[in-house]
Amino acid sequence: QAIRDTIEETPPELVADIMDQGIVLAGGGALLAGLDRRTAEATQMPVHVADDPLTCVVRGTGRVLEELDTLERVLITEQYTRAPR
Protein backbone atom coordinates (compact mmCIF):
# COMPACT_ATOMS: atom_id res chain seq x y z
CA GLN A 1 0.00 0.00 0.00
CA ALA A 2 2.87 2.40 0.77
CA ILE A 3 4.18 2.10 -2.79
CA ARG A 4 0.73 2.79 -4.24
CA ASP A 5 0.29 5.81 -1.95
CA THR A 6 3.66 7.19 -3.04
CA ILE A 7 2.86 6.69 -6.72
CA GLU A 8 -0.47 8.51 -6.27
CA GLU A 9 1.40 11.52 -4.86
CA THR A 10 4.08 11.49 -7.57
CA PRO A 11 3.90 14.05 -10.41
CA PRO A 12 2.37 12.47 -13.56
CA GLU A 13 5.49 12.99 -15.70
CA LEU A 14 7.53 10.95 -13.21
CA VAL A 15 4.88 8.22 -13.00
CA ALA A 16 5.13 7.80 -16.77
CA ASP A 17 8.88 7.22 -16.42
CA ILE A 18 8.37 4.77 -13.56
CA MET A 19 5.77 2.83 -15.55
CA ASP A 20 8.21 2.64 -18.46
CA GLN A 21 11.46 1.98 -16.57
CA GLY A 22 10.05 0.24 -13.50
CA ILE A 23 10.52 0.36 -9.76
CA VAL A 24 13.96 -0.38 -8.29
CA LEU A 25 14.00 -2.02 -4.87
CA ALA A 26 17.00 -1.18 -2.68
CA GLY A 27 18.04 -1.93 0.88
CA GLY A 28 17.85 -5.14 2.86
CA GLY A 29 14.12 -5.51 2.24
CA ALA A 30 14.84 -5.88 -1.47
CA LEU A 31 16.36 -9.28 -0.65
CA LEU A 32 13.13 -10.68 0.78
CA ALA A 33 12.15 -13.69 -1.30
CA GLY A 34 9.39 -12.83 -3.76
CA LEU A 35 9.11 -9.14 -2.83
CA ASP A 36 9.97 -8.04 -6.37
CA ARG A 37 7.34 -10.37 -7.86
CA ARG A 38 4.64 -9.36 -5.37
CA THR A 39 5.38 -5.66 -5.88
CA ALA A 40 5.16 -6.09 -9.66
CA GLU A 41 1.83 -7.89 -9.32
CA ALA A 42 0.42 -5.26 -6.94
CA THR A 43 1.52 -2.26 -9.02
CA GLN A 44 1.33 -3.73 -12.53
CA MET A 45 4.77 -2.19 -13.13
CA PRO A 46 8.16 -3.73 -13.84
CA VAL A 47 10.20 -4.21 -10.66
CA HIS A 48 13.96 -4.67 -10.43
CA VAL A 49 16.24 -5.39 -7.48
CA ALA A 50 19.22 -3.02 -7.37
CA ASP A 51 22.70 -4.42 -7.83
CA ASP A 52 24.09 -4.89 -4.31
CA PRO A 53 20.92 -3.58 -2.63
CA LEU A 54 22.52 -3.51 0.84
CA THR A 55 25.04 -0.81 -0.06
CA CYS A 56 23.71 0.91 -3.19
CA VAL A 57 21.93 3.73 -1.34
CA VAL A 58 24.93 4.71 0.76
CA ARG A 59 27.23 4.49 -2.28
CA GLY A 60 24.83 6.66 -4.30
CA THR A 61 24.58 9.19 -1.49
CA GLY A 62 28.36 9.36 -1.36
CA ARG A 63 28.52 10.04 -5.08
CA VAL A 64 25.93 12.82 -4.79
CA LEU A 65 27.89 14.43 -1.95
CA GLU A 66 31.10 14.24 -3.99
CA GLU A 67 29.37 15.99 -6.91
CA LEU A 68 27.02 18.24 -4.94
CA ASP A 69 27.98 21.42 -6.80
CA THR A 70 27.25 19.75 -10.15
CA LEU A 71 24.03 18.02 -9.07
CA GLU A 72 22.55 20.77 -6.91
CA ARG A 73 20.22 22.06 -9.64
CA VAL A 74 18.70 18.61 -10.31
CA LEU A 75 18.19 17.45 -6.73
CA ILE A 76 14.63 17.27 -5.38
CA THR A 77 13.46 20.58 -3.99
CA GLU A 78 11.30 21.28 -0.97
CA GLN A 79 8.16 21.44 -3.14
CA TYR A 80 8.37 17.64 -3.64
CA THR A 81 8.85 16.76 0.01
CA ARG A 82 5.93 16.10 2.28
CA ALA A 83 5.45 16.56 5.99
CA PRO A 84 5.82 13.46 8.15
CA ARG A 85 2.55 11.74 8.98
PDB file of N, CA and C in Angstrom:
ATOM      1  N   GLN A   1       0.821  -1.188   0.000  1.00  0.00           N
ATOM      2  CA  GLN A   1       0.000   0.000   0.000  1.00  0.00           C
ATOM      3  C   GLN A   1       0.872   1.261   0.000  1.00  0.00           C
ATOM      4  N   ALA A   2       1.994   1.219   0.701  1.00  0.00           N
ATOM      5  CA  ALA A   2       2.871   2.397   0.772  1.00  0.00           C
ATOM      6  C   ALA A   2       3.381   2.788  -0.611  1.00  0.00           C
ATOM      7  N   ILE A   3       3.697   1.798  -1.433  1.00  0.00           N
ATOM      8  CA  ILE A   3       4.180   2.099  -2.788  1.00  0.00           C
ATOM      9  C   ILE A   3       3.062   2.743  -3.597  1.00  0.00           C
ATOM     10  N   ARG A   4       1.857   2.201  -3.508  1.00  0.00           N
ATOM     11  CA  ARG A   4       0.729   2.788  -4.240  1.00  0.00           C
ATOM     12  C   ARG A   4       0.457   4.216  -3.783  1.00  0.00           C
ATOM     13  N   ASP A   5       0.511   4.454  -2.473  1.00  0.00           N
ATOM     14  CA  ASP A   5       0.292   5.809  -1.950  1.00  0.00           C
ATOM     15  C   ASP A   5       1.337   6.777  -2.496  1.00  0.00           C
ATOM     16  N   THR A   6       2.580   6.341  -2.529  1.00  0.00           N
ATOM     17  CA  THR A   6       3.657   7.195  -3.040  1.00  0.00           C
ATOM     18  C   THR A   6       3.460   7.491  -4.517  1.00  0.00           C
ATOM     19  N   ILE A   7       3.085   6.491  -5.289  1.00  0.00           N
ATOM     20  CA  ILE A   7       2.859   6.690  -6.724  1.00  0.00           C
ATOM     21  C   ILE A   7       1.713   7.675  -6.951  1.00  0.00           C
ATOM     22  N   GLU A   8       0.661   7.587  -6.134  1.00  0.00           N
ATOM     23  CA  GLU A   8      -0.474   8.507  -6.269  1.00  0.00           C
ATOM     24  C   GLU A   8      -0.071   9.955  -6.011  1.00  0.00           C
ATOM     25  N   GLU A   9       0.950  10.173  -5.185  1.00  0.00           N
ATOM     26  CA  GLU A   9       1.404  11.524  -4.856  1.00  0.00           C
ATOM     27  C   GLU A   9       2.535  12.005  -5.765  1.00  0.00           C
ATOM     28  N   THR A  10       2.966  11.165  -6.684  1.00  0.00           N
ATOM     29  CA  THR A  10       4.083  11.494  -7.573  1.00  0.00           C
ATOM     30  C   THR A  10       3.575  12.272  -8.781  1.00  0.00           C
ATOM     31  N   PRO A  11       4.311  13.297  -9.217  1.00  0.00           N
ATOM     32  CA  PRO A  11       3.902  14.050 -10.411  1.00  0.00           C
ATOM     33  C   PRO A  11       3.727  13.118 -11.618  1.00  0.00           C
ATOM     34  N   PRO A  12       2.698  13.358 -12.435  1.00  0.00           N
ATOM     35  CA  PRO A  12       2.374  12.466 -13.555  1.00  0.00           C
ATOM     36  C   PRO A  12       3.541  12.199 -14.504  1.00  0.00           C
ATOM     37  N   GLU A  13       4.378  13.203 -14.765  1.00  0.00           N
ATOM     38  CA  GLU A  13       5.487  12.988 -15.695  1.00  0.00           C
ATOM     39  C   GLU A  13       6.500  11.990 -15.133  1.00  0.00           C
ATOM     40  N   LEU A  14       6.637  11.935 -13.815  1.00  0.00           N
ATOM     41  CA  LEU A  14       7.533  10.952 -13.210  1.00  0.00           C
ATOM     42  C   LEU A  14       6.896   9.569 -13.192  1.00  0.00           C
ATOM     43  N   VAL A  15       5.580   9.511 -12.981  1.00  0.00           N
ATOM     44  CA  VAL A  15       4.882   8.224 -12.995  1.00  0.00           C
ATOM     45  C   VAL A  15       5.030   7.566 -14.361  1.00  0.00           C
ATOM     46  N   ALA A  16       4.960   8.351 -15.417  1.00  0.00           N
ATOM     47  CA  ALA A  16       5.133   7.797 -16.768  1.00  0.00           C
ATOM     48  C   ALA A  16       6.504   7.155 -16.908  1.00  0.00           C
ATOM     49  N   ASP A  17       7.534   7.799 -16.380  1.00  0.00           N
ATOM     50  CA  ASP A  17       8.882   7.222 -16.419  1.00  0.00           C
ATOM     51  C   ASP A  17       8.962   5.947 -15.598  1.00  0.00           C
ATOM     52  N   ILE A  18       8.343   5.950 -14.416  1.00  0.00           N
ATOM     53  CA  ILE A  18       8.369   4.765 -13.559  1.00  0.00           C
ATOM     54  C   ILE A  18       7.645   3.609 -14.235  1.00  0.00           C
ATOM     55  N   MET A  19       6.511   3.894 -14.868  1.00  0.00           N
ATOM     56  CA  MET A  19       5.769   2.834 -15.555  1.00  0.00           C
ATOM     57  C   MET A  19       6.585   2.250 -16.701  1.00  0.00           C
ATOM     58  N   ASP A  20       7.379   3.088 -17.339  1.00  0.00           N
ATOM     59  CA  ASP A  20       8.208   2.642 -18.456  1.00  0.00           C
ATOM     60  C   ASP A  20       9.462   1.912 -17.974  1.00  0.00           C
ATOM     61  N   GLN A  21      10.175   2.519 -17.024  1.00  0.00           N
ATOM     62  CA  GLN A  21      11.459   1.980 -16.567  1.00  0.00           C
ATOM     63  C   GLN A  21      11.322   0.981 -15.418  1.00  0.00           C
ATOM     64  N   GLY A  22      10.283   1.139 -14.619  1.00  0.00           N
ATOM     65  CA  GLY A  22      10.050   0.235 -13.505  1.00  0.00           C
ATOM     66  C   GLY A  22      10.490   0.794 -12.169  1.00  0.00           C
ATOM     67  N   ILE A  23      10.173   0.044 -11.140  1.00  0.00           N
ATOM     68  CA  ILE A  23      10.519   0.363  -9.757  1.00  0.00           C
ATOM     69  C   ILE A  23      11.801  -0.384  -9.430  1.00  0.00           C
ATOM     70  N   VAL A  24      12.717   0.272  -8.727  1.00  0.00           N
ATOM     71  CA  VAL A  24      13.956  -0.380  -8.293  1.00  0.00           C
ATOM     72  C   VAL A  24      13.901  -0.524  -6.779  1.00  0.00           C
ATOM     73  N   LEU A  25      13.985  -1.756  -6.307  1.00  0.00           N
ATOM     74  CA  LEU A  25      13.999  -2.020  -4.874  1.00  0.00           C
ATOM     75  C   LEU A  25      15.436  -1.981  -4.377  1.00  0.00           C
ATOM     76  N   ALA A  26      15.667  -1.282  -3.267  1.00  0.00           N
ATOM     77  CA  ALA A  26      17.002  -1.180  -2.681  1.00  0.00           C
ATOM     78  C   ALA A  26      16.895  -1.395  -1.178  1.00  0.00           C
ATOM     79  N   GLY A  27      18.015  -1.691  -0.551  1.00  0.00           N
ATOM     80  CA  GLY A  27      18.043  -1.931   0.884  1.00  0.00           C
ATOM     81  C   GLY A  27      17.841  -3.403   1.190  1.00  0.00           C
ATOM     82  N   GLY A  28      17.957  -3.748   2.448  1.00  0.00           N
ATOM     83  CA  GLY A  28      17.848  -5.140   2.861  1.00  0.00           C
ATOM     84  C   GLY A  28      16.512  -5.772   2.518  1.00  0.00           C
ATOM     85  N   GLY A  29      15.443  -4.984   2.573  1.00  0.00           N
ATOM     86  CA  GLY A  29      14.123  -5.514   2.241  1.00  0.00           C
ATOM     87  C   GLY A  29      14.021  -6.009   0.815  1.00  0.00           C
ATOM     88  N   ALA A  30      14.851  -5.461  -0.065  1.00  0.00           N
ATOM     89  CA  ALA A  30      14.836  -5.884  -1.466  1.00  0.00           C
ATOM     90  C   ALA A  30      15.236  -7.344  -1.613  1.00  0.00           C
ATOM     91  N   LEU A  31      15.909  -7.888  -0.599  1.00  0.00           N
ATOM     92  CA  LEU A  31      16.362  -9.276  -0.652  1.00  0.00           C
ATOM     93  C   LEU A  31      15.316 -10.267  -0.146  1.00  0.00           C
ATOM     94  N   LEU A  32      14.181  -9.774   0.320  1.00  0.00           N
ATOM     95  CA  LEU A  32      13.128 -10.682   0.776  1.00  0.00           C
ATOM     96  C   LEU A  32      12.612 -11.499  -0.402  1.00  0.00           C
ATOM     97  N   ALA A  33      12.558 -12.782  -0.221  1.00  0.00           N
ATOM     98  CA  ALA A  33      12.151 -13.685  -1.298  1.00  0.00           C
ATOM     99  C   ALA A  33      10.763 -13.323  -1.811  1.00  0.00           C
ATOM    100  N   GLY A  34      10.661 -13.090  -3.110  1.00  0.00           N
ATOM    101  CA  GLY A  34       9.385 -12.834  -3.759  1.00  0.00           C
ATOM    102  C   GLY A  34       8.882 -11.405  -3.669  1.00  0.00           C
ATOM    103  N   LEU A  35       9.589 -10.519  -2.963  1.00  0.00           N
ATOM    104  CA  LEU A  35       9.107  -9.144  -2.828  1.00  0.00           C
ATOM    105  C   LEU A  35       9.018  -8.453  -4.182  1.00  0.00           C
ATOM    106  N   ASP A  36      10.001  -8.669  -5.041  1.00  0.00           N
ATOM    107  CA  ASP A  36       9.968  -8.045  -6.367  1.00  0.00           C
ATOM    108  C   ASP A  36       8.759  -8.519  -7.164  1.00  0.00           C
ATOM    109  N   ARG A  37       8.485  -9.809  -7.131  1.00  0.00           N
ATOM    110  CA  ARG A  37       7.341 -10.367  -7.860  1.00  0.00           C
ATOM    111  C   ARG A  37       6.022  -9.842  -7.306  1.00  0.00           C
ATOM    112  N   ARG A  38       5.884  -9.832  -5.982  1.00  0.00           N
ATOM    113  CA  ARG A  38       4.637  -9.362  -5.369  1.00  0.00           C
ATOM    114  C   ARG A  38       4.411  -7.877  -5.625  1.00  0.00           C
ATOM    115  N   THR A  39       5.496  -7.094  -5.610  1.00  0.00           N
ATOM    116  CA  THR A  39       5.378  -5.665  -5.884  1.00  0.00           C
ATOM    117  C   THR A  39       4.955  -5.440  -7.329  1.00  0.00           C
ATOM    118  N   ALA A  40       5.529  -6.209  -8.244  1.00  0.00           N
ATOM    119  CA  ALA A  40       5.160  -6.093  -9.659  1.00  0.00           C
ATOM    120  C   ALA A  40       3.689  -6.449  -9.861  1.00  0.00           C
ATOM    121  N   GLU A  41       3.234  -7.494  -9.196  1.00  0.00           N
ATOM    122  CA  GLU A  41       1.830  -7.890  -9.319  1.00  0.00           C
ATOM    123  C   GLU A  41       0.903  -6.822  -8.744  1.00  0.00           C
ATOM    124  N   ALA A  42       1.271  -6.252  -7.608  1.00  0.00           N
ATOM    125  CA  ALA A  42       0.420  -5.264  -6.939  1.00  0.00           C
ATOM    126  C   ALA A  42       0.365  -3.939  -7.684  1.00  0.00           C
ATOM    127  N   THR A  43       1.456  -3.570  -8.353  1.00  0.00           N
ATOM    128  CA  THR A  43       1.516  -2.263  -9.017  1.00  0.00           C
ATOM    129  C   THR A  43       1.312  -2.338 -10.520  1.00  0.00           C
ATOM    130  N   GLN A  44       1.398  -3.547 -11.074  1.00  0.00           N
ATOM    131  CA  GLN A  44       1.332  -3.733 -12.526  1.00  0.00           C
ATOM    132  C   GLN A  44       2.442  -2.943 -13.229  1.00  0.00           C
ATOM    133  N   MET A  45       3.600  -2.870 -12.580  1.00  0.00           N
ATOM    134  CA  MET A  45       4.769  -2.185 -13.134  1.00  0.00           C
ATOM    135  C   MET A  45       5.963  -3.127 -13.069  1.00  0.00           C
ATOM    136  N   PRO A  46       6.944  -2.924 -13.954  1.00  0.00           N
ATOM    137  CA  PRO A  46       8.159  -3.732 -13.842  1.00  0.00           C
ATOM    138  C   PRO A  46       8.886  -3.402 -12.535  1.00  0.00           C
ATOM    139  N   VAL A  47       9.462  -4.403 -11.913  1.00  0.00           N
ATOM    140  CA  VAL A  47      10.197  -4.207 -10.657  1.00  0.00           C
ATOM    141  C   VAL A  47      11.552  -4.884 -10.785  1.00  0.00           C
ATOM    142  N   HIS A  48      12.586  -4.170 -10.360  1.00  0.00           N
ATOM    143  CA  HIS A  48      13.956  -4.675 -10.427  1.00  0.00           C
ATOM    144  C   HIS A  48      14.586  -4.560  -9.042  1.00  0.00           C
ATOM    145  N   VAL A  49      15.465  -5.487  -8.706  1.00  0.00           N
ATOM    146  CA  VAL A  49      16.244  -5.393  -7.477  1.00  0.00           C
ATOM    147  C   VAL A  49      17.577  -4.753  -7.843  1.00  0.00           C
ATOM    148  N   ALA A  50      17.972  -3.730  -7.097  1.00  0.00           N
ATOM    149  CA  ALA A  50      19.225  -3.022  -7.365  1.00  0.00           C
ATOM    150  C   ALA A  50      20.411  -3.973  -7.242  1.00  0.00           C
ATOM    151  N   ASP A  51      21.447  -3.704  -8.019  1.00  0.00           N
ATOM    152  CA  ASP A  51      22.703  -4.423  -7.834  1.00  0.00           C
ATOM    153  C   ASP A  51      23.210  -4.082  -6.438  1.00  0.00           C
ATOM    154  N   ASP A  52      23.582  -5.078  -5.672  1.00  0.00           N
ATOM    155  CA  ASP A  52      24.087  -4.891  -4.309  1.00  0.00           C
ATOM    156  C   ASP A  52      23.155  -3.989  -3.496  1.00  0.00           C
ATOM    157  N   PRO A  53      21.914  -4.433  -3.278  1.00  0.00           N
ATOM    158  CA  PRO A  53      20.921  -3.582  -2.625  1.00  0.00           C
ATOM    159  C   PRO A  53      21.283  -3.147  -1.208  1.00  0.00           C
ATOM    160  N   LEU A  54      22.162  -3.884  -0.533  1.00  0.00           N
ATOM    161  CA  LEU A  54      22.517  -3.510   0.836  1.00  0.00           C
ATOM    162  C   LEU A  54      23.367  -2.248   0.912  1.00  0.00           C
ATOM    163  N   THR A  55      24.138  -1.968  -0.136  1.00  0.00           N
ATOM    164  CA  THR A  55      25.039  -0.807  -0.064  1.00  0.00           C
ATOM    165  C   THR A  55      24.782   0.238  -1.144  1.00  0.00           C
ATOM    166  N   CYS A  56      23.870  -0.011  -2.061  1.00  0.00           N
ATOM    167  CA  CYS A  56      23.708   0.910  -3.192  1.00  0.00           C
ATOM    168  C   CYS A  56      23.250   2.304  -2.768  1.00  0.00           C
ATOM    169  N   VAL A  57      22.416   2.408  -1.753  1.00  0.00           N
ATOM    170  CA  VAL A  57      21.928   3.726  -1.339  1.00  0.00           C
ATOM    171  C   VAL A  57      23.059   4.552  -0.735  1.00  0.00           C
ATOM    172  N   VAL A  58      23.841   3.955   0.142  1.00  0.00           N
ATOM    173  CA  VAL A  58      24.932   4.705   0.759  1.00  0.00           C
ATOM    174  C   VAL A  58      26.002   5.068  -0.274  1.00  0.00           C
ATOM    175  N   ARG A  59      26.257   4.167  -1.227  1.00  0.00           N
ATOM    176  CA  ARG A  59      27.226   4.494  -2.280  1.00  0.00           C
ATOM    177  C   ARG A  59      26.702   5.620  -3.165  1.00  0.00           C
ATOM    178  N   GLY A  60      25.421   5.592  -3.492  1.00  0.00           N
ATOM    179  CA  GLY A  60      24.827   6.656  -4.301  1.00  0.00           C
ATOM    180  C   GLY A  60      24.828   7.989  -3.576  1.00  0.00           C
ATOM    181  N   THR A  61      24.540   7.959  -2.284  1.00  0.00           N
ATOM    182  CA  THR A  61      24.576   9.189  -1.491  1.00  0.00           C
ATOM    183  C   THR A  61      25.985   9.765  -1.470  1.00  0.00           C
ATOM    184  N   GLY A  62      26.969   8.902  -1.329  1.00  0.00           N
ATOM    185  CA  GLY A  62      28.358   9.358  -1.359  1.00  0.00           C
ATOM    186  C   GLY A  62      28.709  10.023  -2.675  1.00  0.00           C
ATOM    187  N   ARG A  63      28.245   9.444  -3.765  1.00  0.00           N
ATOM    188  CA  ARG A  63      28.519  10.038  -5.082  1.00  0.00           C
ATOM    189  C   ARG A  63      27.850  11.401  -5.222  1.00  0.00           C
ATOM    190  N   VAL A  64      26.618  11.524  -4.726  1.00  0.00           N
ATOM    191  CA  VAL A  64      25.933  12.819  -4.785  1.00  0.00           C
ATOM    192  C   VAL A  64      26.708  13.855  -3.979  1.00  0.00           C
ATOM    193  N   LEU A  65      27.144  13.481  -2.782  1.00  0.00           N
ATOM    194  CA  LEU A  65      27.886  14.428  -1.953  1.00  0.00           C
ATOM    195  C   LEU A  65      29.199  14.845  -2.610  1.00  0.00           C
ATOM    196  N   GLU A  66      29.853  13.910  -3.296  1.00  0.00           N
ATOM    197  CA  GLU A  66      31.101  14.236  -3.993  1.00  0.00           C
ATOM    198  C   GLU A  66      30.863  15.213  -5.143  1.00  0.00           C
ATOM    199  N   GLU A  67      29.687  15.156  -5.749  1.00  0.00           N
ATOM    200  CA  GLU A  67      29.367  15.989  -6.912  1.00  0.00           C
ATOM    201  C   GLU A  67      28.255  16.994  -6.608  1.00  0.00           C
ATOM    202  N   LEU A  68      28.133  17.395  -5.361  1.00  0.00           N
ATOM    203  CA  LEU A  68      27.017  18.237  -4.940  1.00  0.00           C
ATOM    204  C   LEU A  68      26.911  19.526  -5.748  1.00  0.00           C
ATOM    205  N   ASP A  69      28.025  20.175  -6.021  1.00  0.00           N
ATOM    206  CA  ASP A  69      27.975  21.420  -6.798  1.00  0.00           C
ATOM    207  C   ASP A  69      27.388  21.187  -8.186  1.00  0.00           C
ATOM    208  N   THR A  70      27.741  20.073  -8.808  1.00  0.00           N
ATOM    209  CA  THR A  70      27.255  19.755 -10.148  1.00  0.00           C
ATOM    210  C   THR A  70      25.787  19.347 -10.126  1.00  0.00           C
ATOM    211  N   LEU A  71      25.383  18.592  -9.118  1.00  0.00           N
ATOM    212  CA  LEU A  71      24.034  18.021  -9.072  1.00  0.00           C
ATOM    213  C   LEU A  71      23.005  18.895  -8.363  1.00  0.00           C
ATOM    214  N   GLU A  72      23.441  19.957  -7.733  1.00  0.00           N
ATOM    215  CA  GLU A  72      22.547  20.774  -6.914  1.00  0.00           C
ATOM    216  C   GLU A  72      21.280  21.206  -7.657  1.00  0.00           C
ATOM    217  N   ARG A  73      21.397  21.556  -8.911  1.00  0.00           N
ATOM    218  CA  ARG A  73      20.224  22.062  -9.635  1.00  0.00           C
ATOM    219  C   ARG A  73      19.238  20.965 -10.034  1.00  0.00           C
ATOM    220  N   VAL A  74      19.621  19.688  -9.942  1.00  0.00           N
ATOM    221  CA  VAL A  74      18.696  18.613 -10.307  1.00  0.00           C
ATOM    222  C   VAL A  74      18.192  17.824  -9.103  1.00  0.00           C
ATOM    223  N   LEU A  75      18.651  18.158  -7.915  1.00  0.00           N
ATOM    224  CA  LEU A  75      18.190  17.451  -6.727  1.00  0.00           C
ATOM    225  C   LEU A  75      16.761  17.866  -6.398  1.00  0.00           C
ATOM    226  N   ILE A  76      16.025  17.007  -5.732  1.00  0.00           N
ATOM    227  CA  ILE A  76      14.631  17.273  -5.377  1.00  0.00           C
ATOM    228  C   ILE A  76      14.562  18.495  -4.468  1.00  0.00           C
ATOM    229  N   THR A  77      13.624  19.360  -4.780  1.00  0.00           N
ATOM    230  CA  THR A  77      13.456  20.576  -3.992  1.00  0.00           C
ATOM    231  C   THR A  77      12.385  20.377  -2.934  1.00  0.00           C
ATOM    232  N   GLU A  78      12.255  21.348  -2.071  1.00  0.00           N
ATOM    233  CA  GLU A  78      11.297  21.280  -0.973  1.00  0.00           C
ATOM    234  C   GLU A  78       9.865  21.091  -1.460  1.00  0.00           C
ATOM    235  N   GLN A  79       9.534  21.559  -2.648  1.00  0.00           N
ATOM    236  CA  GLN A  79       8.161  21.436  -3.141  1.00  0.00           C
ATOM    237  C   GLN A  79       7.747  19.978  -3.320  1.00  0.00           C
ATOM    238  N   TYR A  80       8.707  19.050  -3.454  1.00  0.00           N
ATOM    239  CA  TYR A  80       8.371  17.641  -3.636  1.00  0.00           C
ATOM    240  C   TYR A  80       8.466  16.840  -2.349  1.00  0.00           C
ATOM    241  N   THR A  81       8.798  17.474  -1.255  1.00  0.00           N
ATOM    242  CA  THR A  81       8.846  16.757   0.011  1.00  0.00           C
ATOM    243  C   THR A  81       7.514  16.932   0.715  1.00  0.00           C
ATOM    244  N   ARG A  82       7.188  15.988   1.558  1.00  0.00           N
ATOM    245  CA  ARG A  82       5.930  16.103   2.284  1.00  0.00           C
ATOM    246  C   ARG A  82       6.204  16.009   3.779  1.00  0.00           C
ATOM    247  N   ALA A  83       5.304  16.573   4.535  1.00  0.00           N
ATOM    248  CA  ALA A  83       5.448  16.564   5.987  1.00  0.00           C
ATOM    249  C   ALA A  83       5.274  15.146   6.504  1.00  0.00           C
ATOM    250  N   PRO A  84       6.001  14.790   7.557  1.00  0.00           N
ATOM    251  CA  PRO A  84       5.825  13.455   8.147  1.00  0.00           C
ATOM    252  C   PRO A  84       4.394  13.266   8.626  1.00  0.00           C
ATOM    253  N   ARG A  85       3.931  12.040   8.546  1.00  0.00           N
ATOM    254  CA  ARG A  85       2.552  11.742   8.984  1.00  0.00           C
ATOM    255  C   ARG A  85       2.499  11.454  10.453  1.00  0.00           C
TER     256      ARG A  85
END
